[in-house]
N, C-alpha and C. Protein backbone atom coordinates (compact mmCIF):
# COMPACT_ATOMS: atom_id res chain seq x y z
N UNK A 1 189.58 275.42 128.20
CA UNK A 1 188.63 274.30 128.31
C UNK A 1 189.42 273.03 128.31
N UNK A 2 189.14 272.15 129.02
CA UNK A 2 189.86 270.70 128.75
C UNK A 2 189.46 269.79 127.54
N UNK A 3 190.49 269.32 127.09
CA UNK A 3 190.16 268.63 125.79
C UNK A 3 189.96 267.16 126.04
N UNK A 4 189.59 266.18 125.47
CA UNK A 4 189.51 264.91 125.64
C UNK A 4 190.48 264.01 126.43
N UNK A 5 191.56 264.26 126.03
CA UNK A 5 192.84 263.72 127.20
C UNK A 5 192.63 264.08 128.52
N UNK A 6 192.25 265.63 128.46
CA UNK A 6 192.69 266.18 130.11
C UNK A 6 191.21 265.79 130.86
N UNK A 7 189.98 265.50 130.10
CA UNK A 7 189.07 265.03 130.78
C UNK A 7 189.16 263.78 131.17
N UNK A 8 189.96 262.67 130.37
CA UNK A 8 189.94 261.27 130.70
C UNK A 8 191.33 261.61 131.94
N UNK A 9 192.00 262.32 132.08
CA UNK A 9 193.17 262.50 132.89
C UNK A 9 192.37 262.76 134.55
N UNK A 10 191.39 263.97 134.21
CA UNK A 10 190.64 264.41 135.34
C UNK A 10 189.87 263.20 135.96
N UNK A 11 189.48 262.19 135.45
CA UNK A 11 188.43 261.12 135.94
C UNK A 11 189.21 260.14 136.70
N UNK A 12 190.77 260.32 136.40
CA UNK A 12 191.37 259.31 136.96
C UNK A 12 191.93 259.68 138.46
N UNK A 13 192.31 259.00 139.32
CA UNK A 13 192.71 259.48 140.89
C UNK A 13 194.30 259.35 140.39
N UNK A 14 195.11 260.72 140.43
CA UNK A 14 196.41 260.69 140.38
C UNK A 14 197.12 259.94 141.53
N UNK A 15 198.42 259.24 141.20
CA UNK A 15 198.70 258.51 142.40
C UNK A 15 199.23 259.36 143.38
N UNK A 16 198.76 258.95 144.60
CA UNK A 16 199.12 259.59 145.98
C UNK A 16 198.48 261.13 146.07
N UNK A 17 197.78 261.48 145.05
CA UNK A 17 196.73 262.66 145.34
C UNK A 17 195.51 262.53 145.77
N UNK A 18 195.03 261.45 146.42
CA UNK A 18 193.75 261.28 146.65
C UNK A 18 192.56 261.34 145.79
N UNK A 19 191.54 262.15 145.91
CA UNK A 19 190.41 261.93 144.92
C UNK A 19 190.81 262.54 143.47
N UNK A 20 189.87 262.03 142.77
CA UNK A 20 190.17 262.64 141.39
C UNK A 20 189.65 264.18 141.05
N UNK A 21 189.95 264.74 140.30
CA UNK A 21 189.45 266.04 139.82
C UNK A 21 187.99 266.13 139.46
N UNK A 22 187.54 265.03 138.83
CA UNK A 22 186.03 265.04 138.12
C UNK A 22 185.78 263.50 138.48
N UNK A 23 184.25 263.41 139.12
CA UNK A 23 183.87 261.89 139.33
C UNK A 23 182.57 261.98 138.63
N UNK A 24 182.26 261.18 137.53
CA UNK A 24 180.94 260.99 137.01
C UNK A 24 180.51 259.31 137.32
N UNK A 25 179.07 259.30 137.48
CA UNK A 25 178.83 257.75 137.81
C UNK A 25 177.24 257.95 137.34
N UNK A 26 176.81 256.83 136.46
CA UNK A 26 177.84 255.98 135.60
C UNK A 26 178.83 256.65 134.80
N UNK A 27 180.34 256.20 134.90
CA UNK A 27 181.34 256.80 134.07
C UNK A 27 181.06 256.60 132.71
N UNK A 28 181.24 257.83 132.06
CA UNK A 28 181.26 258.09 130.48
C UNK A 28 182.20 256.81 129.79
N UNK A 29 182.12 256.65 128.68
CA UNK A 29 182.91 255.73 127.90
C UNK A 29 183.95 256.29 127.38
N UNK A 30 185.12 256.00 127.99
CA UNK A 30 186.54 256.62 127.77
C UNK A 30 187.10 256.50 126.38
N UNK A 31 187.15 255.25 125.88
CA UNK A 31 187.26 254.80 124.63
C UNK A 31 186.53 255.65 123.55
N UNK A 32 185.14 256.03 123.69
CA UNK A 32 184.34 256.48 122.87
C UNK A 32 184.99 257.99 122.79
N UNK A 33 185.27 258.77 123.98
CA UNK A 33 185.63 260.06 124.21
C UNK A 33 186.99 260.24 123.71
N UNK A 34 187.77 259.37 123.68
CA UNK A 34 189.37 259.52 123.31
C UNK A 34 189.31 259.20 121.51
N UNK A 35 188.35 258.52 121.21
CA UNK A 35 188.38 258.29 119.64
C UNK A 35 187.67 259.64 118.86
N UNK A 36 186.77 260.15 119.46
CA UNK A 36 186.39 261.25 118.75
C UNK A 36 186.90 262.74 118.94
N UNK A 37 187.76 262.64 119.90
CA UNK A 37 188.54 263.67 120.23
C UNK A 37 187.99 264.96 120.64
N UNK A 38 186.51 264.93 121.29
CA UNK A 38 185.92 266.17 121.60
C UNK A 38 186.44 266.87 122.62
N UNK A 39 185.51 267.78 123.26
CA UNK A 39 185.87 268.75 124.54
C UNK A 39 184.82 268.38 125.20
N UNK A 40 183.89 267.74 125.28
CA UNK A 40 182.80 267.56 126.38
C UNK A 40 182.40 266.11 126.61
N UNK A 41 181.80 265.91 127.67
CA UNK A 41 180.99 264.49 127.86
C UNK A 41 179.63 264.54 127.59
N UNK A 42 178.97 263.72 127.22
CA UNK A 42 177.45 263.42 127.08
C UNK A 42 177.08 263.23 128.40
N UNK A 43 175.75 263.88 128.76
CA UNK A 43 174.79 263.33 129.87
C UNK A 43 173.68 262.79 129.41
N UNK A 44 172.89 261.82 130.17
CA UNK A 44 171.76 261.28 129.58
C UNK A 44 170.72 261.81 130.72
N UNK A 45 169.35 261.57 130.42
CA UNK A 45 168.36 261.84 131.01
C UNK A 45 167.84 260.82 132.02
N UNK A 46 167.64 261.38 133.37
CA UNK A 46 167.35 260.54 134.41
C UNK A 46 165.67 260.03 134.40
N UNK A 47 165.28 259.56 135.43
CA UNK A 47 163.94 259.05 135.66
C UNK A 47 163.01 259.68 136.22
N UNK A 48 163.71 261.06 136.98
CA UNK A 48 162.72 261.80 137.76
C UNK A 48 162.34 263.12 136.74
N UNK A 49 160.98 263.69 136.93
CA UNK A 49 160.79 264.76 136.54
C UNK A 49 159.70 265.52 137.21
N UNK A 50 159.78 266.89 137.06
CA UNK A 50 158.72 267.48 137.75
C UNK A 50 157.96 268.48 136.81
N UNK A 51 156.60 268.40 136.76
CA UNK A 51 155.93 269.23 135.78
C UNK A 51 155.06 270.16 136.73
N UNK A 52 154.74 271.42 136.07
CA UNK A 52 153.88 272.26 136.51
C UNK A 52 152.38 272.12 136.48
N UNK A 53 151.68 272.59 137.52
CA UNK A 53 150.37 272.34 137.76
C UNK A 53 149.58 273.50 136.80
N UNK A 54 148.50 273.12 136.34
CA UNK A 54 147.57 274.21 135.65
C UNK A 54 146.74 274.48 137.10
N UNK A 55 147.01 275.90 137.35
CA UNK A 55 146.53 276.24 138.65
C UNK A 55 145.68 277.51 138.23
N UNK A 56 144.98 278.38 139.27
CA UNK A 56 144.13 279.42 139.06
C UNK A 56 145.17 280.65 139.36
N UNK A 57 146.41 280.35 139.69
CA UNK A 57 147.17 281.78 140.19
C UNK A 57 147.46 282.51 139.24
N UNK A 58 147.18 283.91 139.45
CA UNK A 58 147.15 284.92 138.45
C UNK A 58 148.27 285.38 138.05
N UNK A 59 149.52 285.12 138.88
CA UNK A 59 150.80 285.33 138.51
C UNK A 59 151.65 284.91 139.59
N UNK A 60 152.96 284.74 139.45
CA UNK A 60 153.92 284.12 140.42
C UNK A 60 155.15 285.43 140.30
N UNK A 61 155.49 285.98 141.57
CA UNK A 61 156.66 286.76 141.87
C UNK A 61 157.83 285.93 141.74
N UNK A 62 158.82 286.40 140.90
CA UNK A 62 160.10 285.84 140.64
C UNK A 62 161.35 286.65 141.83
N UNK A 63 160.60 287.63 142.60
CA UNK A 63 161.69 287.99 143.78
C UNK A 63 160.94 287.39 145.26
N UNK A 64 160.39 286.39 145.17
CA UNK A 64 160.02 285.87 146.43
C UNK A 64 158.76 286.70 147.04
N UNK A 65 158.10 286.30 148.21
CA UNK A 65 156.97 287.15 148.66
C UNK A 65 157.42 288.54 149.57
N UNK A 66 156.77 289.32 149.48
CA UNK A 66 156.93 290.48 149.81
C UNK A 66 156.32 290.53 151.54
N UNK A 67 157.16 291.67 152.21
CA UNK A 67 156.61 291.69 153.67
C UNK A 67 155.11 291.65 153.72
N UNK A 68 154.50 291.04 154.82
CA UNK A 68 153.07 290.98 154.87
C UNK A 68 152.30 289.99 154.07
N UNK A 69 153.26 289.28 153.13
CA UNK A 69 152.56 288.26 152.11
C UNK A 69 153.01 286.77 152.88
N UNK A 70 152.08 285.76 152.66
CA UNK A 70 152.48 284.52 153.59
C UNK A 70 153.76 283.95 152.72
N UNK A 71 154.46 283.37 153.65
CA UNK A 71 155.83 282.90 153.35
C UNK A 71 155.60 281.66 152.41
N UNK A 72 154.68 280.78 153.07
CA UNK A 72 154.37 279.65 152.47
C UNK A 72 153.10 279.50 151.42
N UNK A 73 153.63 279.01 150.15
CA UNK A 73 152.31 278.84 149.21
C UNK A 73 152.23 277.22 148.80
N UNK A 74 151.00 276.95 148.42
CA UNK A 74 150.91 275.47 147.64
C UNK A 74 151.97 275.22 146.76
N UNK A 75 151.93 274.10 146.48
CA UNK A 75 153.02 273.47 145.84
C UNK A 75 152.58 273.60 144.17
N UNK A 76 153.45 274.02 143.34
CA UNK A 76 153.10 274.37 142.22
C UNK A 76 153.42 273.25 141.04
N UNK A 77 154.04 272.27 141.51
CA UNK A 77 154.52 271.17 140.81
C UNK A 77 154.21 269.74 141.32
N UNK A 78 154.18 268.89 140.46
CA UNK A 78 154.11 267.20 140.65
C UNK A 78 155.19 266.42 140.39
N UNK A 79 155.60 265.78 140.92
CA UNK A 79 156.62 264.73 140.64
C UNK A 79 156.33 263.45 139.99
N UNK A 80 157.17 263.04 138.85
CA UNK A 80 157.01 261.87 138.02
C UNK A 80 158.10 261.03 138.21
N UNK A 81 157.74 259.76 138.19
CA UNK A 81 158.89 258.97 138.00
C UNK A 81 158.47 258.10 136.81
N UNK A 82 159.66 258.01 135.87
CA UNK A 82 159.26 257.43 134.59
C UNK A 82 160.38 256.29 134.44
N UNK A 83 160.04 254.87 134.23
CA UNK A 83 160.97 253.89 134.39
C UNK A 83 161.63 254.05 133.18
N UNK A 84 162.69 253.24 133.15
CA UNK A 84 163.40 252.99 131.80
C UNK A 84 162.85 252.10 130.79
N UNK A 85 162.61 252.52 129.46
CA UNK A 85 161.90 251.69 128.47
C UNK A 85 160.31 252.41 128.38
N UNK A 86 160.22 253.31 129.10
CA UNK A 86 158.86 254.24 129.18
C UNK A 86 159.25 255.89 128.78
N UNK A 87 158.34 256.22 127.80
CA UNK A 87 158.46 257.66 127.40
C UNK A 87 157.76 258.60 127.91
N UNK A 88 158.20 259.96 127.96
CA UNK A 88 157.66 261.02 128.65
C UNK A 88 157.26 261.83 127.57
N UNK A 89 155.97 262.13 127.33
CA UNK A 89 155.62 263.08 126.18
C UNK A 89 155.72 264.47 126.65
N UNK A 90 156.41 265.33 125.75
CA UNK A 90 156.38 266.72 126.12
C UNK A 90 155.57 267.50 125.00
N UNK A 91 154.74 268.38 125.44
CA UNK A 91 153.97 268.68 124.27
C UNK A 91 154.15 270.15 124.14
N UNK A 92 153.87 270.80 122.77
CA UNK A 92 154.29 272.10 122.44
C UNK A 92 153.98 273.02 123.33
N UNK A 93 154.90 273.88 123.74
CA UNK A 93 154.55 275.43 124.79
C UNK A 93 155.00 274.68 126.05
N UNK A 94 155.17 273.34 126.41
CA UNK A 94 154.97 272.87 127.75
C UNK A 94 156.45 272.79 128.23
N UNK A 95 156.56 272.56 129.47
CA UNK A 95 158.08 272.81 130.29
C UNK A 95 158.05 271.98 131.35
N UNK A 96 159.17 271.36 131.51
CA UNK A 96 159.40 270.25 132.48
C UNK A 96 160.63 270.30 133.21
N UNK A 97 160.89 270.00 134.40
CA UNK A 97 162.19 270.11 134.91
C UNK A 97 162.53 268.36 134.96
N UNK A 98 163.78 267.93 134.53
CA UNK A 98 164.00 266.92 134.58
C UNK A 98 165.74 266.94 135.39
N UNK A 99 166.26 265.50 135.20
CA UNK A 99 167.54 265.66 135.69
C UNK A 99 168.38 264.75 135.25
N UNK A 100 169.82 264.89 135.38
CA UNK A 100 170.66 264.05 134.44
C UNK A 100 170.51 262.52 135.23
N UNK A 101 170.74 261.52 134.65
CA UNK A 101 170.97 260.32 135.11
C UNK A 101 172.42 260.16 135.92
N UNK A 102 173.41 260.82 135.31
CA UNK A 102 174.66 260.63 135.96
C UNK A 102 174.70 261.54 137.17
N UNK A 103 175.56 261.02 138.19
CA UNK A 103 175.97 262.04 139.39
C UNK A 103 177.30 262.46 138.98
N UNK A 104 177.46 263.81 139.36
CA UNK A 104 178.85 264.42 139.21
C UNK A 104 179.24 264.75 140.42
N UNK A 105 180.62 264.82 140.62
CA UNK A 105 180.96 265.64 141.51
C UNK A 105 182.47 266.63 140.83
N UNK A 106 182.39 267.54 141.14
CA UNK A 106 183.77 268.64 140.56
C UNK A 106 184.54 268.96 141.84
N UNK A 107 185.72 269.00 141.51
CA UNK A 107 186.62 269.17 142.53
C UNK A 107 186.61 270.91 142.59
N UNK A 108 187.28 271.50 143.68
CA UNK A 108 187.49 273.05 143.73
C UNK A 108 188.59 273.55 142.43
N UNK A 109 189.00 272.83 141.74
CA UNK A 109 189.85 272.79 140.63
C UNK A 109 189.18 272.98 139.43
N UNK A 110 187.92 272.88 139.33
CA UNK A 110 187.32 272.57 137.91
C UNK A 110 185.72 273.09 138.11
N UNK A 111 185.52 273.83 136.89
CA UNK A 111 184.15 274.29 136.74
C UNK A 111 183.77 273.86 135.40
N UNK A 112 182.31 273.88 135.06
CA UNK A 112 181.91 273.51 134.04
C UNK A 112 180.77 274.34 133.37
N UNK A 113 180.07 274.08 132.14
CA UNK A 113 178.90 274.56 131.59
C UNK A 113 178.36 273.52 130.91
N UNK A 114 176.92 273.72 130.92
CA UNK A 114 175.82 272.59 130.06
C UNK A 114 175.60 273.37 128.77
N UNK A 115 175.43 272.51 127.80
CA UNK A 115 174.72 273.04 126.58
C UNK A 115 173.88 271.63 125.88
N UNK A 116 172.93 272.18 125.38
CA UNK A 116 172.04 271.19 124.73
C UNK A 116 172.56 270.47 123.63
N UNK A 117 172.04 269.38 122.98
CA UNK A 117 172.58 268.77 121.83
C UNK A 117 171.85 269.50 120.61
N UNK A 118 172.56 269.93 119.75
CA UNK A 118 172.13 270.39 118.51
C UNK A 118 170.90 269.46 117.59
N UNK A 119 171.23 268.11 117.70
CA UNK A 119 170.53 267.15 117.09
C UNK A 119 168.94 267.19 117.90
N UNK A 120 168.95 267.81 119.30
CA UNK A 120 167.56 267.73 119.75
C UNK A 120 166.94 269.15 119.50
N UNK A 121 167.70 270.18 119.64
CA UNK A 121 167.21 271.58 119.66
C UNK A 121 166.78 271.74 118.26
N UNK A 122 167.34 270.98 117.32
CA UNK A 122 166.66 271.15 115.71
C UNK A 122 165.04 270.65 115.60
N UNK A 123 164.95 269.70 116.59
CA UNK A 123 163.53 269.29 116.49
C UNK A 123 162.25 270.01 117.57
N UNK A 124 163.04 271.09 118.28
CA UNK A 124 162.13 271.72 119.20
C UNK A 124 162.61 271.53 120.59
N UNK A 125 163.32 270.61 121.14
CA UNK A 125 163.65 270.42 122.42
C UNK A 125 164.80 271.35 122.82
N UNK A 126 164.52 272.21 123.81
CA UNK A 126 165.19 272.97 124.27
C UNK A 126 165.92 272.90 125.64
N UNK A 127 167.21 272.81 126.11
CA UNK A 127 167.72 272.33 127.25
C UNK A 127 168.13 273.83 127.87
N UNK A 128 167.03 274.23 128.66
CA UNK A 128 167.11 275.87 129.36
C UNK A 128 167.97 275.56 130.37
N UNK A 129 169.03 274.76 130.60
CA UNK A 129 169.59 274.49 132.11
C UNK A 129 170.08 275.74 132.49
N UNK A 130 170.56 275.87 133.59
CA UNK A 130 171.36 277.09 134.48
C UNK A 130 172.72 276.38 133.93
N UNK A 131 173.53 277.28 132.76
CA UNK A 131 174.49 276.39 132.25
C UNK A 131 175.79 276.39 133.20
N UNK A 132 176.03 277.20 133.96
CA UNK A 132 176.94 277.19 134.80
C UNK A 132 177.16 275.95 136.12
N UNK A 133 178.38 275.52 136.16
CA UNK A 133 178.42 274.56 137.38
C UNK A 133 179.56 274.80 138.13
N UNK A 134 179.13 275.34 139.42
CA UNK A 134 180.43 275.89 140.19
C UNK A 134 181.29 274.60 140.73
N UNK A 135 182.49 275.21 141.04
CA UNK A 135 183.56 274.08 141.68
C UNK A 135 183.06 273.69 143.06
N UNK A 136 183.49 272.43 143.29
CA UNK A 136 182.79 271.78 144.29
C UNK A 136 181.47 271.30 144.41
N UNK A 137 180.79 271.18 143.22
CA UNK A 137 179.25 270.76 143.02
C UNK A 137 178.96 269.30 143.05
N UNK A 138 178.37 268.92 143.87
CA UNK A 138 178.15 267.40 143.64
C UNK A 138 176.73 267.12 143.51
N UNK A 139 176.33 266.11 142.83
CA UNK A 139 174.96 265.60 142.51
C UNK A 139 174.64 265.52 141.08
N UNK A 140 172.99 265.45 141.08
CA UNK A 140 172.56 265.28 139.49
C UNK A 140 172.32 266.82 139.18
N UNK A 141 172.30 266.99 137.80
CA UNK A 141 172.01 268.32 137.19
C UNK A 141 170.42 268.34 137.05
N UNK A 142 169.86 269.66 137.35
CA UNK A 142 168.40 269.64 137.42
C UNK A 142 168.37 270.31 135.79
N UNK A 143 167.73 269.89 134.96
CA UNK A 143 167.59 270.42 133.54
C UNK A 143 166.05 270.97 133.04
N UNK A 144 166.05 271.93 132.61
CA UNK A 144 164.96 272.80 132.38
C UNK A 144 164.77 272.26 130.63
N UNK A 145 163.41 271.54 130.59
CA UNK A 145 163.25 271.06 129.34
C UNK A 145 162.09 271.72 128.67
N UNK A 146 162.15 272.29 127.48
CA UNK A 146 161.25 273.03 126.85
C UNK A 146 160.93 272.64 125.54
N UNK A 147 159.73 272.45 125.00
CA UNK A 147 159.39 272.03 123.75
C UNK A 147 158.80 273.38 122.86
N UNK A 148 159.82 273.95 122.17
CA UNK A 148 159.29 275.11 121.24
C UNK A 148 158.67 274.80 119.96
N UNK A 149 158.79 273.48 119.71
CA UNK A 149 158.33 272.98 118.36
C UNK A 149 156.95 272.98 118.13
N UNK A 150 156.37 272.20 116.95
CA UNK A 150 155.18 272.25 116.49
C UNK A 150 154.37 270.74 117.17
N UNK A 151 155.18 269.89 117.57
CA UNK A 151 154.53 268.65 117.46
C UNK A 151 154.89 268.14 118.90
N UNK A 152 154.36 267.07 119.68
CA UNK A 152 154.82 266.50 120.86
C UNK A 152 155.89 265.75 120.50
N UNK A 153 156.75 265.71 121.79
CA UNK A 153 158.21 265.18 121.63
C UNK A 153 158.27 263.94 122.52
N UNK A 154 158.79 262.77 122.21
CA UNK A 154 158.79 261.73 123.10
C UNK A 154 160.24 261.87 123.80
N UNK A 155 160.21 261.89 124.98
CA UNK A 155 161.82 261.85 125.43
C UNK A 155 161.64 260.69 126.38
N UNK A 156 163.01 260.09 126.33
CA UNK A 156 162.79 258.58 127.22
C UNK A 156 164.19 258.67 128.24
N UNK A 157 164.12 258.03 129.50
CA UNK A 157 165.40 258.04 130.41
C UNK A 157 166.35 257.21 130.03
N UNK A 158 167.51 257.74 130.20
CA UNK A 158 168.70 256.98 129.50
C UNK A 158 169.05 257.43 128.14
N UNK A 159 168.19 258.46 127.31
CA UNK A 159 168.84 258.83 126.09
C UNK A 159 169.61 260.17 126.40
N UNK A 160 170.70 260.49 125.64
CA UNK A 160 171.75 261.23 125.72
C UNK A 160 171.06 262.59 125.74
N UNK A 161 171.10 263.58 126.28
CA UNK A 161 170.10 264.82 126.49
C UNK A 161 170.87 266.02 126.38
N UNK A 162 172.44 266.25 126.92
CA UNK A 162 173.01 267.36 127.10
C UNK A 162 174.50 266.99 126.85
N UNK A 163 175.18 268.27 126.93
CA UNK A 163 176.67 267.77 127.17
C UNK A 163 177.43 268.70 127.93
N UNK A 164 178.59 268.52 128.54
CA UNK A 164 179.04 269.26 129.37
C UNK A 164 180.68 269.34 129.09
N UNK A 165 181.05 270.77 129.17
CA UNK A 165 182.43 271.17 128.80
C UNK A 165 182.96 271.73 130.22
N UNK A 166 184.29 271.41 130.59
CA UNK A 166 184.81 271.70 131.47
C UNK A 166 186.11 272.65 131.34
N UNK A 167 186.20 273.44 133.00
CA UNK A 167 187.37 274.34 132.66
C UNK A 167 188.16 274.33 133.90
N UNK A 168 189.30 274.64 134.07
CA UNK A 168 190.10 274.70 135.47
C UNK A 168 189.91 276.00 135.96
N UNK A 169 189.87 276.03 137.22
CA UNK A 169 189.88 277.16 138.17
C UNK A 169 191.22 277.51 138.54
N UNK A 170 191.59 278.68 138.50
CA UNK A 170 192.78 279.24 139.14
C UNK A 170 192.87 279.50 140.45
N UNK A 171 193.81 279.26 141.27
CA UNK A 171 194.26 279.63 142.65
C UNK A 171 193.21 279.02 143.49
N UNK A 172 192.65 277.64 142.92
CA UNK A 172 191.46 276.96 143.85
C UNK A 172 191.55 276.69 145.18
N UNK A 173 190.89 276.87 145.91
CA UNK A 173 190.74 276.45 147.31
C UNK A 173 189.42 275.73 147.84
N UNK A 174 189.76 274.85 148.54
CA UNK A 174 188.88 273.95 149.36
C UNK A 174 187.39 274.86 149.15
N UNK A 175 186.16 274.22 148.98
CA UNK A 175 184.97 275.02 149.06
C UNK A 175 183.85 274.24 149.61
N UNK A 176 182.93 274.98 150.38
CA UNK A 176 181.81 274.20 151.17
C UNK A 176 181.04 273.97 150.05
N UNK A 177 180.16 272.71 150.25
CA UNK A 177 179.17 272.25 149.12
C UNK A 177 177.96 273.49 149.13
N UNK A 178 177.90 273.64 147.84
CA UNK A 178 176.64 274.74 147.56
C UNK A 178 175.30 274.19 147.61
N UNK A 179 174.28 274.95 147.66
CA UNK A 179 172.97 274.98 148.14
C UNK A 179 172.28 273.73 147.42
N UNK A 180 172.78 273.53 146.25
CA UNK A 180 171.90 272.40 145.27
C UNK A 180 172.78 271.25 145.18
N UNK A 181 173.89 271.06 145.75
CA UNK A 181 174.83 269.97 145.97
C UNK A 181 173.95 268.86 146.42
N UNK A 182 174.16 267.51 146.05
CA UNK A 182 173.67 266.44 146.43
C UNK A 182 172.48 266.04 146.05
N UNK A 183 171.40 266.51 145.25
CA UNK A 183 170.39 266.35 144.91
C UNK A 183 170.36 265.29 143.64
N UNK A 184 169.41 264.29 143.68
CA UNK A 184 169.42 263.46 142.49
C UNK A 184 168.15 263.38 142.03
N UNK A 185 167.13 264.59 142.43
CA UNK A 185 165.92 264.65 141.67
C UNK A 185 165.73 266.07 141.14
N UNK A 186 164.84 266.59 140.25
CA UNK A 186 164.83 267.98 139.74
C UNK A 186 164.63 268.78 141.03
N UNK A 187 165.10 270.19 141.33
CA UNK A 187 165.02 270.81 142.04
C UNK A 187 164.18 272.01 141.80
N UNK A 188 163.43 272.64 142.49
CA UNK A 188 162.55 273.67 142.35
C UNK A 188 162.43 274.54 143.59
N UNK A 189 163.09 275.67 143.72
CA UNK A 189 163.26 276.47 145.12
C UNK A 189 162.57 277.95 144.38
N UNK A 190 161.66 278.59 145.49
CA UNK A 190 161.14 279.80 145.16
C UNK A 190 162.22 280.86 145.23
N UNK A 191 162.28 281.81 144.24
CA UNK A 191 163.33 282.76 144.41
C UNK A 191 163.52 283.58 145.59
N UNK A 192 164.43 284.35 145.94
CA UNK A 192 164.35 285.20 146.99
C UNK A 192 164.77 286.45 146.39
N UNK A 193 164.38 287.82 147.06
CA UNK A 193 164.85 288.92 146.52
C UNK A 193 166.28 289.29 147.25
N UNK A 194 167.12 289.86 146.72
CA UNK A 194 168.18 290.18 147.28
C UNK A 194 168.24 291.63 147.84
N UNK A 195 169.11 291.97 148.58
CA UNK A 195 169.54 293.22 149.74
C UNK A 195 169.07 294.37 148.76
N UNK A 196 169.84 294.65 147.70
CA UNK A 196 169.91 295.99 147.06
C UNK A 196 168.36 295.79 146.15
N UNK A 197 167.44 294.87 145.82
CA UNK A 197 166.38 294.83 145.27
C UNK A 197 165.20 295.60 146.19
N UNK A 198 165.65 295.08 147.73
CA UNK A 198 164.77 295.34 148.45
C UNK A 198 164.72 297.02 148.52
N UNK A 199 166.19 297.52 148.94
CA UNK A 199 166.39 298.85 148.79
C UNK A 199 165.73 299.84 147.75
N UNK A 200 166.10 299.20 146.71
CA UNK A 200 165.56 299.80 145.45
C UNK A 200 163.78 299.99 145.53
N UNK A 201 163.25 299.01 145.95
CA UNK A 201 161.68 298.83 145.97
C UNK A 201 161.36 299.81 147.03
N UNK A 202 162.03 299.87 147.98
CA UNK A 202 161.71 301.04 149.38
C UNK A 202 161.99 302.47 148.90
N UNK A 203 163.00 302.50 148.07
CA UNK A 203 163.16 303.98 147.65
C UNK A 203 161.79 304.86 147.00
């Protein structure tokens, strides 16, 4: 795991080596990172959200449509833009997708994982993000925000929402951008069944 000094070095372009190992825009406060000596950087909540519609759908398959079922389905979400200085109220038991304010780019030599902030979790806000960030990722991170507490929570674009830790990858080689790279808004894609599941279901 990279410490504070190594994170700061990763954000800088080595002389004669081209691109930095890590890019974060807007850039984190390096003086603050160095002074607290941590092993992570904080990320802030962006302005785009995607909430789920209350529909009459009885259930939703997490392995995608089966043969013979329609491949396209009505949208289950609606998108929201929340300006800076305006709150988004997340009610108990509700779930919404958000995105980080920061745009990140990891080189093929770096991977990361995201965790929530304990100061928010103790009030019931859980950052159920897919924790792993693959080498070569670029874009804003989609965050899965859930209120498991007892009272509505006010969240604001620009507030610190999560933290990211970084690890070096060994024997790294150039990678093609992943399917989620490049996004600046929360992403929701339908699940797709894998080949082994299809064989098990047909057995």
